[in-house]
Amino acid sequence: MLIKKIIERYPALKICQKDIKEASDLLIKSYENNGKLLICGNGGSSSDSDHIVGELMKSFSKKRPIGDDLSERLKAISAERGANLAEKLERALPAISLSAHTALTSAVSNDIGGDYIFAQQVVGYGNKEDILLAITTSGNSKNIIDAAIVAKAKGLKVIGLTGETGGNLKQYCDVIIRVPSMSTPVVQEYHLPIYHVLCQIIENKFF
């Protein structure tokens, strides 16, 4: 239903319908198995990575109370602050933007090389039940491709979000969502409703 609504608003994305569904299924399976989402992108896609984390790590379109068990444990530790935390905090879907760690990415860029800023983090963060969401308008960004290669080597699933060709990234993806344009601004415009609907589908499943 949510995917159909997005396609009604963005008819050009109808060709992506099957891939969006497959990507949402992979994400749900990962979270069901206590996995997490790693996200990487450059430039505007870096901002998209941060945006997605913001939608997953707290409430997006639904309330996410933390639950009675954690609530009671918080109150047992501190009657005053614990009660406040129990009221204010929300359940999260674990997600990490690999663009967000300035000191780390600058250290990797300086000591190893700029192409490896995301791959190095996949080495450190990635576990078998996790997913790498690789965002690149061209599908040819070297640092994104290297991250995908490392992800596959470590047993992660890889979801690509690209322009219409998928570039060289597509050979490393379990699912790739290719929007119908190669114009960077247009591709980025299409990416936003796609990752919003993915976040909503996941949120509806767990909350």
N, C-alpha and C. Protein backbone atom coordinates (compact mmCIF):
# COMPACT_ATOMS: atom_id res chain seq x y z
N MET A 1 0.82 -1.21 0.00
CA MET A 1 0.00 0.00 0.00
C MET A 1 0.86 1.26 0.00
N LEU A 2 1.88 1.31 0.87
CA LEU A 2 2.74 2.49 0.93
C LEU A 2 3.50 2.69 -0.37
N ILE A 3 3.97 1.59 -0.95
CA ILE A 3 4.70 1.70 -2.21
C ILE A 3 3.77 2.22 -3.31
N LYS A 4 2.54 1.73 -3.34
CA LYS A 4 1.58 2.20 -4.35
C LYS A 4 1.31 3.69 -4.21
N LYS A 5 1.24 4.16 -2.97
CA LYS A 5 1.00 5.60 -2.76
C LYS A 5 2.16 6.44 -3.27
N ILE A 6 3.38 5.95 -3.07
CA ILE A 6 4.55 6.68 -3.58
C ILE A 6 4.52 6.73 -5.10
N ILE A 7 4.13 5.61 -5.72
CA ILE A 7 4.09 5.56 -7.19
C ILE A 7 2.98 6.45 -7.73
N GLU A 8 1.89 6.58 -6.99
CA GLU A 8 0.84 7.51 -7.42
C GLU A 8 1.37 8.94 -7.46
N ARG A 9 2.25 9.28 -6.50
CA ARG A 9 2.81 10.64 -6.46
C ARG A 9 3.99 10.80 -7.42
N TYR A 10 4.69 9.70 -7.66
CA TYR A 10 5.86 9.73 -8.55
C TYR A 10 5.72 8.60 -9.56
N PRO A 11 4.88 8.75 -10.58
CA PRO A 11 4.60 7.65 -11.52
C PRO A 11 5.84 7.07 -12.19
N ALA A 12 6.87 7.89 -12.37
CA ALA A 12 8.09 7.40 -13.02
C ALA A 12 8.77 6.30 -12.22
N LEU A 13 8.44 6.20 -10.94
CA LEU A 13 9.07 5.19 -10.08
C LEU A 13 8.39 3.82 -10.15
N LYS A 14 7.40 3.69 -11.01
CA LYS A 14 6.71 2.40 -11.13
C LYS A 14 7.68 1.28 -11.49
N ILE A 15 8.69 1.60 -12.28
CA ILE A 15 9.67 0.57 -12.69
C ILE A 15 10.51 0.09 -11.49
N CYS A 16 10.47 0.83 -10.39
CA CYS A 16 11.24 0.47 -9.20
C CYS A 16 10.42 -0.32 -8.18
N GLN A 17 9.14 -0.52 -8.46
CA GLN A 17 8.22 -1.08 -7.46
C GLN A 17 8.71 -2.42 -6.91
N LYS A 18 9.07 -3.34 -7.77
CA LYS A 18 9.50 -4.67 -7.34
C LYS A 18 10.77 -4.58 -6.49
N ASP A 19 11.71 -3.74 -6.90
CA ASP A 19 12.97 -3.64 -6.19
C ASP A 19 12.79 -2.96 -4.83
N ILE A 20 11.90 -1.99 -4.74
CA ILE A 20 11.61 -1.37 -3.45
C ILE A 20 11.05 -2.41 -2.48
N LYS A 21 10.15 -3.25 -2.98
CA LYS A 21 9.57 -4.30 -2.13
C LYS A 21 10.66 -5.29 -1.68
N GLU A 22 11.52 -5.69 -2.60
CA GLU A 22 12.58 -6.63 -2.23
C GLU A 22 13.54 -6.01 -1.22
N ALA A 23 13.84 -4.72 -1.39
CA ALA A 23 14.72 -4.04 -0.44
C ALA A 23 14.08 -3.96 0.94
N SER A 24 12.78 -3.67 0.98
CA SER A 24 12.10 -3.59 2.28
C SER A 24 12.08 -4.96 2.96
N ASP A 25 11.91 -6.02 2.18
CA ASP A 25 11.92 -7.37 2.76
C ASP A 25 13.29 -7.71 3.36
N LEU A 26 14.36 -7.33 2.67
CA LEU A 26 15.71 -7.57 3.19
C LEU A 26 15.94 -6.80 4.49
N LEU A 27 15.49 -5.56 4.52
CA LEU A 27 15.67 -4.73 5.71
C LEU A 27 14.91 -5.30 6.90
N ILE A 28 13.69 -5.71 6.66
CA ILE A 28 12.89 -6.30 7.74
C ILE A 28 13.54 -7.57 8.26
N LYS A 29 14.01 -8.42 7.37
CA LYS A 29 14.67 -9.67 7.80
C LYS A 29 15.91 -9.36 8.62
N SER A 30 16.67 -8.36 8.21
CA SER A 30 17.87 -7.97 8.96
C SER A 30 17.51 -7.55 10.37
N TYR A 31 16.52 -6.67 10.51
CA TYR A 31 16.13 -6.20 11.83
C TYR A 31 15.52 -7.32 12.67
N GLU A 32 14.83 -8.22 12.04
CA GLU A 32 14.28 -9.37 12.78
C GLU A 32 15.40 -10.23 13.37
N ASN A 33 16.55 -10.21 12.74
CA ASN A 33 17.70 -11.00 13.19
C ASN A 33 18.73 -10.15 13.94
N ASN A 34 18.26 -9.03 14.50
CA ASN A 34 19.10 -8.13 15.30
C ASN A 34 20.25 -7.51 14.51
N GLY A 35 20.01 -7.32 13.23
CA GLY A 35 20.99 -6.64 12.40
C GLY A 35 20.85 -5.14 12.49
N LYS A 36 21.72 -4.47 11.78
CA LYS A 36 21.67 -3.01 11.70
C LYS A 36 21.91 -2.58 10.26
N LEU A 37 21.65 -1.31 9.99
CA LEU A 37 21.81 -0.76 8.65
C LEU A 37 23.01 0.18 8.63
N LEU A 38 23.93 -0.07 7.72
CA LEU A 38 25.05 0.83 7.46
C LEU A 38 24.74 1.56 6.14
N ILE A 39 24.96 2.87 6.12
CA ILE A 39 24.57 3.66 4.94
C ILE A 39 25.74 4.53 4.52
N CYS A 40 26.01 4.58 3.22
CA CYS A 40 27.09 5.46 2.75
C CYS A 40 26.70 6.15 1.45
N GLY A 41 27.24 7.34 1.28
CA GLY A 41 27.02 8.13 0.08
C GLY A 41 27.92 9.34 0.10
N ASN A 42 28.11 9.95 -1.06
CA ASN A 42 28.95 11.15 -1.20
C ASN A 42 28.08 12.37 -1.50
N GLY A 43 28.51 13.53 -1.04
CA GLY A 43 27.81 14.77 -1.37
C GLY A 43 26.37 14.75 -0.89
N GLY A 44 25.44 14.98 -1.81
CA GLY A 44 24.03 14.95 -1.45
C GLY A 44 23.60 13.60 -0.91
N SER A 45 24.21 12.54 -1.42
CA SER A 45 23.89 11.19 -0.93
C SER A 45 24.42 10.97 0.48
N SER A 46 25.47 11.70 0.84
CA SER A 46 25.94 11.68 2.23
C SER A 46 24.88 12.28 3.14
N SER A 47 24.29 13.38 2.71
CA SER A 47 23.20 13.97 3.48
C SER A 47 22.01 13.02 3.56
N ASP A 48 21.73 12.30 2.48
CA ASP A 48 20.66 11.30 2.51
C ASP A 48 20.96 10.22 3.54
N SER A 49 22.22 9.83 3.66
CA SER A 49 22.60 8.82 4.66
C SER A 49 22.24 9.29 6.06
N ASP A 50 22.60 10.53 6.36
CA ASP A 50 22.26 11.09 7.68
C ASP A 50 20.75 11.19 7.87
N HIS A 51 20.05 11.57 6.80
CA HIS A 51 18.60 11.72 6.84
C HIS A 51 17.94 10.39 7.19
N ILE A 52 18.38 9.33 6.56
CA ILE A 52 17.80 8.01 6.81
C ILE A 52 18.01 7.59 8.26
N VAL A 53 19.20 7.83 8.78
CA VAL A 53 19.46 7.51 10.18
C VAL A 53 18.49 8.25 11.09
N GLY A 54 18.23 9.50 10.76
CA GLY A 54 17.29 10.29 11.56
C GLY A 54 15.88 9.72 11.56
N GLU A 55 15.49 9.07 10.48
CA GLU A 55 14.14 8.49 10.42
C GLU A 55 14.06 7.15 11.13
N LEU A 56 15.19 6.43 11.21
CA LEU A 56 15.17 5.09 11.78
C LEU A 56 15.49 5.06 13.28
N MET A 57 16.32 5.97 13.75
CA MET A 57 16.79 5.90 15.13
C MET A 57 15.83 6.54 16.14
N LYS A 58 14.74 7.10 15.64
CA LYS A 58 13.66 7.62 16.49
C LYS A 58 12.37 7.53 15.71
N SER A 59 11.29 8.00 16.28
CA SER A 59 10.01 7.91 15.57
C SER A 59 10.04 8.71 14.27
N PHE A 60 9.40 8.16 13.26
CA PHE A 60 9.27 8.81 11.96
C PHE A 60 7.82 9.20 11.75
N SER A 61 6.97 8.23 11.49
CA SER A 61 5.54 8.52 11.31
C SER A 61 4.67 7.85 12.37
N LYS A 62 5.31 7.12 13.30
CA LYS A 62 4.57 6.45 14.37
C LYS A 62 5.26 6.66 15.70
N LYS A 63 4.50 6.60 16.76
CA LYS A 63 5.07 6.64 18.10
C LYS A 63 5.77 5.31 18.39
N ARG A 64 6.87 5.38 19.15
CA ARG A 64 7.63 4.17 19.46
C ARG A 64 7.99 4.13 20.95
N PRO A 65 7.05 3.91 21.81
CA PRO A 65 7.37 3.83 23.24
C PRO A 65 8.39 2.74 23.52
N ILE A 66 9.24 2.97 24.50
CA ILE A 66 10.36 2.05 24.71
C ILE A 66 9.93 0.71 25.31
N GLY A 67 8.74 0.61 25.84
CA GLY A 67 8.26 -0.67 26.38
C GLY A 67 8.39 -0.74 27.88
N ASP A 68 7.55 -1.58 28.47
CA ASP A 68 7.46 -1.65 29.93
C ASP A 68 8.74 -2.16 30.58
N ASP A 69 9.41 -3.12 29.96
CA ASP A 69 10.58 -3.74 30.58
C ASP A 69 11.69 -2.71 30.80
N LEU A 70 12.10 -2.03 29.74
CA LEU A 70 13.14 -1.01 29.87
C LEU A 70 12.66 0.15 30.73
N SER A 71 11.40 0.49 30.59
CA SER A 71 10.84 1.58 31.39
C SER A 71 10.99 1.29 32.89
N GLU A 72 10.64 0.10 33.30
CA GLU A 72 10.73 -0.25 34.72
C GLU A 72 12.18 -0.31 35.20
N ARG A 73 13.07 -0.77 34.35
CA ARG A 73 14.49 -0.82 34.73
C ARG A 73 15.07 0.58 34.88
N LEU A 74 14.67 1.49 34.02
CA LEU A 74 15.11 2.88 34.16
C LEU A 74 14.64 3.48 35.47
N LYS A 75 13.39 3.25 35.79
CA LYS A 75 12.82 3.80 37.03
C LYS A 75 13.48 3.18 38.27
N ALA A 76 13.87 1.91 38.16
CA ALA A 76 14.52 1.25 39.29
C ALA A 76 15.90 1.83 39.56
N ILE A 77 16.56 2.28 38.50
CA ILE A 77 17.90 2.86 38.65
C ILE A 77 17.83 4.28 39.19
N SER A 78 16.86 5.06 38.68
CA SER A 78 16.69 6.43 39.14
C SER A 78 15.21 6.78 39.08
N ALA A 79 14.60 6.95 40.23
CA ALA A 79 13.16 7.20 40.26
C ALA A 79 12.80 8.46 39.48
N GLU A 80 13.59 9.52 39.66
CA GLU A 80 13.26 10.79 39.00
C GLU A 80 13.69 10.80 37.54
N ARG A 81 14.99 10.63 37.29
CA ARG A 81 15.49 10.69 35.92
C ARG A 81 15.00 9.48 35.12
N GLY A 82 14.91 8.34 35.74
CA GLY A 82 14.44 7.14 35.03
C GLY A 82 13.03 7.30 34.52
N ALA A 83 12.15 7.91 35.32
CA ALA A 83 10.78 8.14 34.89
C ALA A 83 10.74 9.09 33.71
N ASN A 84 11.60 10.11 33.74
CA ASN A 84 11.65 11.07 32.64
C ASN A 84 12.16 10.40 31.37
N LEU A 85 13.21 9.59 31.50
CA LEU A 85 13.74 8.87 30.34
C LEU A 85 12.71 7.91 29.77
N ALA A 86 12.01 7.21 30.63
CA ALA A 86 10.99 6.26 30.18
C ALA A 86 9.88 6.94 29.40
N GLU A 87 9.59 8.18 29.78
CA GLU A 87 8.53 8.93 29.09
C GLU A 87 9.01 9.49 27.76
N LYS A 88 10.26 9.96 27.70
CA LYS A 88 10.74 10.70 26.54
C LYS A 88 11.39 9.83 25.46
N LEU A 89 12.10 8.80 25.85
CA LEU A 89 12.87 8.03 24.88
C LEU A 89 11.98 7.14 24.01
N GLU A 90 12.51 6.79 22.84
CA GLU A 90 11.77 5.99 21.86
C GLU A 90 12.61 4.80 21.42
N ARG A 91 11.95 3.76 20.98
CA ARG A 91 12.66 2.61 20.42
C ARG A 91 13.29 2.99 19.08
N ALA A 92 14.44 2.38 18.82
CA ALA A 92 15.21 2.72 17.62
C ALA A 92 15.40 1.49 16.74
N LEU A 93 15.56 1.76 15.45
CA LEU A 93 16.00 0.76 14.49
C LEU A 93 17.46 1.09 14.18
N PRO A 94 18.41 0.27 14.63
CA PRO A 94 19.82 0.65 14.56
C PRO A 94 20.30 0.96 13.15
N ALA A 95 20.87 2.14 12.98
CA ALA A 95 21.36 2.58 11.68
C ALA A 95 22.55 3.51 11.90
N ILE A 96 23.56 3.38 11.05
CA ILE A 96 24.77 4.19 11.16
C ILE A 96 25.08 4.80 9.80
N SER A 97 25.21 6.12 9.77
CA SER A 97 25.69 6.80 8.56
C SER A 97 27.21 6.78 8.57
N LEU A 98 27.81 6.18 7.56
CA LEU A 98 29.26 6.09 7.50
C LEU A 98 29.89 7.42 7.08
N SER A 99 29.06 8.41 6.81
CA SER A 99 29.54 9.75 6.48
C SER A 99 29.69 10.63 7.71
N ALA A 100 29.22 10.15 8.86
CA ALA A 100 29.01 11.03 10.01
C ALA A 100 30.22 11.19 10.92
N HIS A 101 31.28 10.45 10.68
CA HIS A 101 32.39 10.42 11.63
C HIS A 101 33.60 11.17 11.06
N THR A 102 33.62 12.46 11.26
CA THR A 102 34.59 13.33 10.60
C THR A 102 36.02 12.97 10.97
N ALA A 103 36.29 12.77 12.25
CA ALA A 103 37.66 12.46 12.66
C ALA A 103 38.13 11.14 12.04
N LEU A 104 37.24 10.14 12.06
CA LEU A 104 37.60 8.84 11.50
C LEU A 104 37.81 8.92 9.99
N THR A 105 36.85 9.53 9.28
CA THR A 105 36.98 9.57 7.82
C THR A 105 38.18 10.39 7.38
N SER A 106 38.50 11.45 8.11
CA SER A 106 39.69 12.24 7.76
C SER A 106 40.96 11.46 8.06
N ALA A 107 40.96 10.67 9.14
CA ALA A 107 42.12 9.84 9.46
C ALA A 107 42.34 8.77 8.39
N VAL A 108 41.26 8.11 7.98
CA VAL A 108 41.38 7.09 6.94
C VAL A 108 41.85 7.73 5.64
N SER A 109 41.27 8.88 5.29
CA SER A 109 41.65 9.57 4.06
C SER A 109 43.13 9.95 4.07
N ASN A 110 43.60 10.42 5.21
CA ASN A 110 44.99 10.86 5.32
C ASN A 110 45.96 9.68 5.38
N ASP A 111 45.61 8.64 6.12
CA ASP A 111 46.55 7.55 6.39
C ASP A 111 46.48 6.41 5.39
N ILE A 112 45.29 6.17 4.83
CA ILE A 112 45.10 5.04 3.92
C ILE A 112 44.74 5.53 2.51
N GLY A 113 43.75 6.42 2.44
CA GLY A 113 43.31 6.95 1.15
C GLY A 113 41.83 7.20 1.14
N GLY A 114 41.41 8.23 0.44
CA GLY A 114 40.01 8.64 0.43
C GLY A 114 39.05 7.60 -0.10
N ASP A 115 39.52 6.71 -0.95
CA ASP A 115 38.63 5.70 -1.51
C ASP A 115 38.19 4.67 -0.46
N TYR A 116 38.83 4.68 0.70
CA TYR A 116 38.61 3.61 1.67
C TYR A 116 37.85 4.05 2.92
N ILE A 117 37.31 5.28 2.89
CA ILE A 117 36.67 5.81 4.11
C ILE A 117 35.45 4.99 4.52
N PHE A 118 34.72 4.44 3.57
CA PHE A 118 33.54 3.64 3.90
C PHE A 118 33.91 2.16 4.08
N ALA A 119 34.80 1.66 3.25
CA ALA A 119 35.21 0.25 3.35
C ALA A 119 35.80 -0.04 4.72
N GLN A 120 36.61 0.87 5.23
CA GLN A 120 37.22 0.66 6.54
C GLN A 120 36.16 0.55 7.64
N GLN A 121 35.11 1.35 7.53
CA GLN A 121 34.05 1.29 8.53
C GLN A 121 33.22 0.01 8.42
N VAL A 122 33.05 -0.48 7.20
CA VAL A 122 32.35 -1.76 7.05
C VAL A 122 33.15 -2.88 7.71
N VAL A 123 34.49 -2.81 7.60
CA VAL A 123 35.34 -3.77 8.30
C VAL A 123 35.05 -3.73 9.80
N GLY A 124 34.92 -2.52 10.35
CA GLY A 124 34.75 -2.37 11.78
C GLY A 124 33.34 -2.63 12.28
N TYR A 125 32.35 -2.17 11.54
CA TYR A 125 30.96 -2.26 12.00
C TYR A 125 30.22 -3.48 11.49
N GLY A 126 30.60 -3.97 10.33
CA GLY A 126 29.75 -4.93 9.62
C GLY A 126 29.73 -6.32 10.22
N ASN A 127 28.53 -6.85 10.39
CA ASN A 127 28.31 -8.23 10.82
C ASN A 127 27.36 -8.91 9.84
N LYS A 128 27.30 -10.22 9.92
CA LYS A 128 26.61 -11.01 8.90
C LYS A 128 25.15 -10.63 8.73
N GLU A 129 24.45 -10.28 9.79
CA GLU A 129 23.02 -9.97 9.67
C GLU A 129 22.75 -8.53 9.25
N ASP A 130 23.80 -7.75 9.07
CA ASP A 130 23.64 -6.33 8.72
C ASP A 130 23.40 -6.14 7.23
N ILE A 131 23.02 -4.91 6.88
CA ILE A 131 22.84 -4.53 5.48
C ILE A 131 23.62 -3.25 5.23
N LEU A 132 24.24 -3.18 4.08
CA LEU A 132 24.84 -1.94 3.60
C LEU A 132 23.92 -1.33 2.56
N LEU A 133 23.48 -0.11 2.80
CA LEU A 133 22.73 0.66 1.80
C LEU A 133 23.71 1.61 1.13
N ALA A 134 24.01 1.35 -0.12
CA ALA A 134 25.02 2.09 -0.88
C ALA A 134 24.31 3.05 -1.84
N ILE A 135 24.49 4.36 -1.61
CA ILE A 135 23.80 5.37 -2.40
C ILE A 135 24.80 6.09 -3.30
N THR A 136 24.58 6.01 -4.60
CA THR A 136 25.43 6.70 -5.56
C THR A 136 24.63 6.98 -6.82
N THR A 137 24.57 8.21 -7.24
CA THR A 137 23.75 8.56 -8.40
C THR A 137 24.27 7.88 -9.67
N SER A 138 25.59 7.78 -9.79
CA SER A 138 26.18 7.18 -11.00
C SER A 138 26.30 5.67 -10.89
N GLY A 139 26.46 5.17 -9.67
CA GLY A 139 26.76 3.76 -9.47
C GLY A 139 28.23 3.44 -9.64
N ASN A 140 29.05 4.48 -9.80
CA ASN A 140 30.48 4.25 -10.09
C ASN A 140 31.43 4.85 -9.06
N SER A 141 30.92 5.33 -7.96
CA SER A 141 31.79 5.95 -6.95
C SER A 141 32.69 4.87 -6.34
N LYS A 142 34.00 5.08 -6.42
CA LYS A 142 34.95 4.05 -5.99
C LYS A 142 34.80 3.71 -4.52
N ASN A 143 34.62 4.74 -3.68
CA ASN A 143 34.54 4.45 -2.24
C ASN A 143 33.26 3.70 -1.88
N ILE A 144 32.20 3.90 -2.65
CA ILE A 144 30.96 3.15 -2.43
C ILE A 144 31.13 1.71 -2.89
N ILE A 145 31.74 1.52 -4.05
CA ILE A 145 31.96 0.18 -4.58
C ILE A 145 32.87 -0.62 -3.65
N ASP A 146 33.93 0.02 -3.14
CA ASP A 146 34.82 -0.69 -2.21
C ASP A 146 34.07 -1.11 -0.94
N ALA A 147 33.20 -0.24 -0.45
CA ALA A 147 32.40 -0.59 0.73
C ALA A 147 31.51 -1.80 0.43
N ALA A 148 30.93 -1.84 -0.76
CA ALA A 148 30.07 -2.97 -1.14
C ALA A 148 30.86 -4.26 -1.24
N ILE A 149 32.07 -4.19 -1.78
CA ILE A 149 32.91 -5.38 -1.90
C ILE A 149 33.24 -5.94 -0.51
N VAL A 150 33.61 -5.05 0.41
CA VAL A 150 33.92 -5.48 1.77
C VAL A 150 32.67 -6.08 2.43
N ALA A 151 31.53 -5.43 2.21
CA ALA A 151 30.28 -5.92 2.78
C ALA A 151 30.00 -7.34 2.31
N LYS A 152 30.15 -7.59 1.02
CA LYS A 152 29.91 -8.94 0.50
C LYS A 152 30.90 -9.93 1.10
N ALA A 153 32.15 -9.51 1.26
CA ALA A 153 33.17 -10.39 1.83
C ALA A 153 32.85 -10.76 3.27
N LYS A 154 32.18 -9.86 3.98
CA LYS A 154 31.84 -10.10 5.38
C LYS A 154 30.47 -10.73 5.57
N GLY A 155 29.77 -11.01 4.46
CA GLY A 155 28.50 -11.69 4.55
C GLY A 155 27.29 -10.80 4.69
N LEU A 156 27.46 -9.47 4.52
CA LEU A 156 26.33 -8.55 4.58
C LEU A 156 25.56 -8.61 3.27
N LYS A 157 24.28 -8.24 3.32
CA LYS A 157 23.52 -7.97 2.11
C LYS A 157 23.76 -6.52 1.70
N VAL A 158 23.72 -6.28 0.40
CA VAL A 158 23.95 -4.93 -0.13
C VAL A 158 22.74 -4.48 -0.93
N ILE A 159 22.22 -3.32 -0.58
CA ILE A 159 21.15 -2.68 -1.34
C ILE A 159 21.75 -1.44 -2.01
N GLY A 160 21.61 -1.34 -3.30
CA GLY A 160 22.09 -0.18 -4.03
C GLY A 160 20.94 0.77 -4.35
N LEU A 161 21.22 2.05 -4.29
CA LEU A 161 20.25 3.09 -4.67
C LEU A 161 20.99 4.02 -5.62
N THR A 162 20.62 3.96 -6.91
CA THR A 162 21.42 4.59 -7.96
C THR A 162 20.54 5.27 -9.01
N GLY A 163 21.22 5.78 -10.05
CA GLY A 163 20.55 6.21 -11.25
C GLY A 163 20.22 5.01 -12.14
N GLU A 164 19.79 5.27 -13.37
CA GLU A 164 19.15 4.22 -14.15
C GLU A 164 20.06 3.09 -14.60
N THR A 165 21.35 3.28 -14.71
CA THR A 165 22.21 2.18 -15.17
C THR A 165 22.70 1.30 -14.03
N GLY A 166 22.80 1.84 -12.85
CA GLY A 166 23.36 1.08 -11.73
C GLY A 166 24.87 1.08 -11.70
N GLY A 167 25.49 1.48 -12.81
CA GLY A 167 26.94 1.55 -12.88
C GLY A 167 27.61 0.23 -12.50
N ASN A 168 28.87 0.34 -12.06
CA ASN A 168 29.62 -0.84 -11.65
C ASN A 168 29.15 -1.41 -10.32
N LEU A 169 28.42 -0.61 -9.55
CA LEU A 169 27.95 -1.08 -8.25
C LEU A 169 27.01 -2.27 -8.37
N LYS A 170 26.24 -2.33 -9.45
CA LYS A 170 25.15 -3.31 -9.53
C LYS A 170 25.61 -4.75 -9.39
N GLN A 171 26.85 -5.04 -9.79
CA GLN A 171 27.32 -6.44 -9.71
C GLN A 171 27.55 -6.89 -8.27
N TYR A 172 27.57 -5.94 -7.34
CA TYR A 172 27.82 -6.29 -5.94
C TYR A 172 26.56 -6.18 -5.07
N CYS A 173 25.42 -5.93 -5.69
CA CYS A 173 24.18 -5.70 -4.94
C CYS A 173 23.29 -6.94 -4.92
N ASP A 174 22.68 -7.19 -3.77
CA ASP A 174 21.64 -8.21 -3.69
C ASP A 174 20.33 -7.66 -4.25
N VAL A 175 20.09 -6.38 -4.02
CA VAL A 175 18.97 -5.66 -4.61
C VAL A 175 19.49 -4.29 -5.01
N ILE A 176 19.11 -3.83 -6.20
CA ILE A 176 19.48 -2.48 -6.60
C ILE A 176 18.24 -1.75 -7.11
N ILE A 177 18.03 -0.57 -6.58
CA ILE A 177 16.90 0.28 -6.99
C ILE A 177 17.47 1.36 -7.91
N ARG A 178 17.13 1.27 -9.18
CA ARG A 178 17.65 2.19 -10.20
C ARG A 178 16.54 3.12 -10.65
N VAL A 179 16.67 4.38 -10.32
CA VAL A 179 15.63 5.34 -10.69
C VAL A 179 15.84 5.78 -12.14
N PRO A 180 14.76 6.20 -12.80
CA PRO A 180 14.82 6.43 -14.25
C PRO A 180 15.40 7.80 -14.64
N SER A 181 16.65 8.02 -14.31
CA SER A 181 17.35 9.23 -14.73
C SER A 181 18.83 9.05 -14.48
N MET A 182 19.67 9.81 -15.19
CA MET A 182 21.09 9.88 -14.87
C MET A 182 21.50 11.31 -14.54
N SER A 183 20.54 12.20 -14.46
CA SER A 183 20.80 13.57 -14.02
C SER A 183 20.89 13.58 -12.50
N THR A 184 22.01 14.01 -11.97
CA THR A 184 22.23 13.95 -10.52
C THR A 184 21.11 14.59 -9.72
N PRO A 185 20.66 15.81 -10.04
CA PRO A 185 19.58 16.39 -9.25
C PRO A 185 18.28 15.58 -9.31
N VAL A 186 17.96 15.05 -10.48
CA VAL A 186 16.72 14.29 -10.64
C VAL A 186 16.83 12.97 -9.88
N VAL A 187 17.98 12.31 -9.99
CA VAL A 187 18.18 11.05 -9.27
C VAL A 187 18.00 11.28 -7.78
N GLN A 188 18.60 12.33 -7.26
CA GLN A 188 18.50 12.62 -5.83
C GLN A 188 17.07 12.94 -5.42
N GLU A 189 16.33 13.60 -6.29
CA GLU A 189 14.92 13.89 -6.01
C GLU A 189 14.12 12.59 -5.91
N TYR A 190 14.42 11.63 -6.76
CA TYR A 190 13.72 10.35 -6.72
C TYR A 190 14.15 9.49 -5.53
N HIS A 191 15.39 9.64 -5.12
CA HIS A 191 15.86 8.82 -4.00
C HIS A 191 15.11 9.12 -2.71
N LEU A 192 14.78 10.38 -2.48
CA LEU A 192 14.15 10.74 -1.21
C LEU A 192 12.83 10.01 -0.97
N PRO A 193 11.87 10.02 -1.89
CA PRO A 193 10.63 9.28 -1.62
C PRO A 193 10.86 7.78 -1.48
N ILE A 194 11.89 7.25 -2.14
CA ILE A 194 12.16 5.82 -2.03
C ILE A 194 12.64 5.48 -0.64
N TYR A 195 13.61 6.23 -0.12
CA TYR A 195 14.07 5.85 1.21
C TYR A 195 13.08 6.24 2.29
N HIS A 196 12.25 7.24 2.04
CA HIS A 196 11.18 7.52 2.99
C HIS A 196 10.20 6.36 3.08
N VAL A 197 9.82 5.80 1.96
CA VAL A 197 8.86 4.70 2.00
C VAL A 197 9.48 3.46 2.61
N LEU A 198 10.77 3.23 2.37
CA LEU A 198 11.44 2.11 3.02
C LEU A 198 11.41 2.27 4.54
N CYS A 199 11.70 3.48 5.01
CA CYS A 199 11.66 3.73 6.46
C CYS A 199 10.26 3.53 7.02
N GLN A 200 9.25 3.97 6.29
CA GLN A 200 7.88 3.80 6.76
C GLN A 200 7.46 2.33 6.80
N ILE A 201 7.83 1.58 5.79
CA ILE A 201 7.50 0.16 5.75
C ILE A 201 8.12 -0.57 6.95
N ILE A 202 9.38 -0.28 7.20
CA ILE A 202 10.06 -0.93 8.34
C ILE A 202 9.42 -0.52 9.65
N GLU A 203 9.15 0.77 9.79
CA GLU A 203 8.55 1.26 11.02
C GLU A 203 7.18 0.62 11.26
N ASN A 204 6.38 0.53 10.22
CA ASN A 204 5.07 -0.10 10.36
C ASN A 204 5.16 -1.56 10.77
N LYS A 205 6.21 -2.23 10.30
CA LYS A 205 6.38 -3.64 10.64
C LYS A 205 6.68 -3.83 12.13
N PHE A 206 7.52 -2.97 12.68
CA PHE A 206 7.99 -3.20 14.05
C PHE A 206 7.26 -2.37 15.10
N PHE A 207 6.49 -1.37 14.68
CA PHE A 207 5.79 -0.53 15.65
C PHE A 207 4.32 -0.39 15.28
